Amino acid sequence: MTSFLKPGAAGSLAARTAGLLALIETPEAMEAYVLRAQGQDDAKRRAHRCIEAAQEASRLAMSRGWLR
């Protein structure tokens, strides 16, 4: 998981990024995260966080040249 993080990244930013990426590590992890929602607002917040995680993963992959 931490292999995505840039060396020297700020601790709180690195921890947030690692947390986001953990959400989408597997389809099962993402599904379990969303299914733990305690209501519609929580489900929407969790789904939005999964989208943010996918966007962050894409940004990191692009910055490392893994996507062309």
Protein backbone atom coordinates (compact mmCIF):
# COMPACT_ATOMS: atom_id res chain seq x y z
CA MET A 1 0.00 0.00 0.00
CA THR A 2 2.67 2.55 0.93
CA SER A 3 4.50 1.88 -2.34
CA PHE A 4 2.16 4.47 -3.93
CA LEU A 5 3.37 7.22 -1.60
CA LYS A 6 6.09 9.63 -2.57
CA PRO A 7 9.20 9.61 -0.38
CA GLY A 8 9.14 12.52 2.02
CA ALA A 9 5.39 13.05 1.76
CA ALA A 10 3.80 14.81 4.70
CA GLY A 11 2.76 12.29 7.36
CA SER A 12 -0.90 13.24 7.53
CA LEU A 13 -1.23 13.39 3.74
CA ALA A 14 0.53 10.05 3.38
CA ALA A 15 -1.71 8.47 6.01
CA ARG A 16 -4.84 9.84 4.33
CA THR A 17 -3.70 8.57 0.94
CA ALA A 18 -2.89 5.14 2.36
CA GLY A 19 -6.30 5.05 4.03
CA LEU A 20 -8.06 5.96 0.79
CA LEU A 21 -6.14 3.37 -1.19
CA ALA A 22 -6.97 0.69 1.38
CA LEU A 23 -10.66 1.28 0.61
CA ILE A 24 -10.21 0.13 -2.96
CA GLU A 25 -7.53 -2.50 -2.45
CA THR A 26 -10.01 -5.19 -3.48
CA PRO A 27 -13.60 -5.11 -4.69
CA GLU A 28 -14.56 -7.01 -1.54
CA ALA A 29 -12.97 -4.37 0.71
CA MET A 30 -14.83 -1.57 -1.07
CA GLU A 31 -18.11 -3.48 -0.93
CA ALA A 32 -17.72 -4.20 2.78
CA TYR A 33 -16.92 -0.54 3.47
CA VAL A 34 -20.05 0.68 1.69
CA LEU A 35 -22.25 -2.01 3.24
CA ARG A 36 -21.25 -0.89 6.75
CA ALA A 37 -23.13 2.38 6.20
CA GLN A 38 -25.59 3.31 8.93
CA GLY A 39 -28.06 5.10 6.68
CA GLN A 40 -28.48 6.81 3.34
CA ASP A 41 -26.31 9.82 4.17
CA ASP A 42 -23.54 7.55 5.46
CA ALA A 43 -23.81 5.35 2.35
CA LYS A 44 -23.47 8.43 0.12
CA ARG A 45 -20.46 9.66 2.11
CA ARG A 46 -18.80 6.25 1.91
CA ALA A 47 -19.49 5.93 -1.83
CA HIS A 48 -18.04 9.42 -2.38
CA ARG A 49 -14.94 8.41 -0.43
CA CYS A 50 -14.52 5.34 -2.68
CA ILE A 51 -14.69 7.62 -5.72
CA GLU A 52 -12.06 9.91 -4.16
CA ALA A 53 -9.87 6.86 -3.56
CA ALA A 54 -10.12 5.76 -7.19
CA GLN A 55 -9.30 9.30 -8.36
CA GLU A 56 -6.28 9.45 -6.04
CA ALA A 57 -5.05 6.06 -7.27
CA SER A 58 -5.36 7.29 -10.84
CA ARG A 59 -3.44 10.50 -10.06
CA LEU A 60 -0.66 8.54 -8.38
CA ALA A 61 -0.43 6.03 -11.23
CA MET A 62 -0.31 8.86 -13.80
CA SER A 63 2.39 10.72 -11.87
CA ARG A 64 4.52 7.57 -11.83
CA GLY A 65 3.99 6.89 -15.51
CA TRP A 66 2.08 3.67 -14.94
CA LEU A 67 -0.81 4.89 -17.12
CA ARG A 68 -0.09 6.32 -20.51
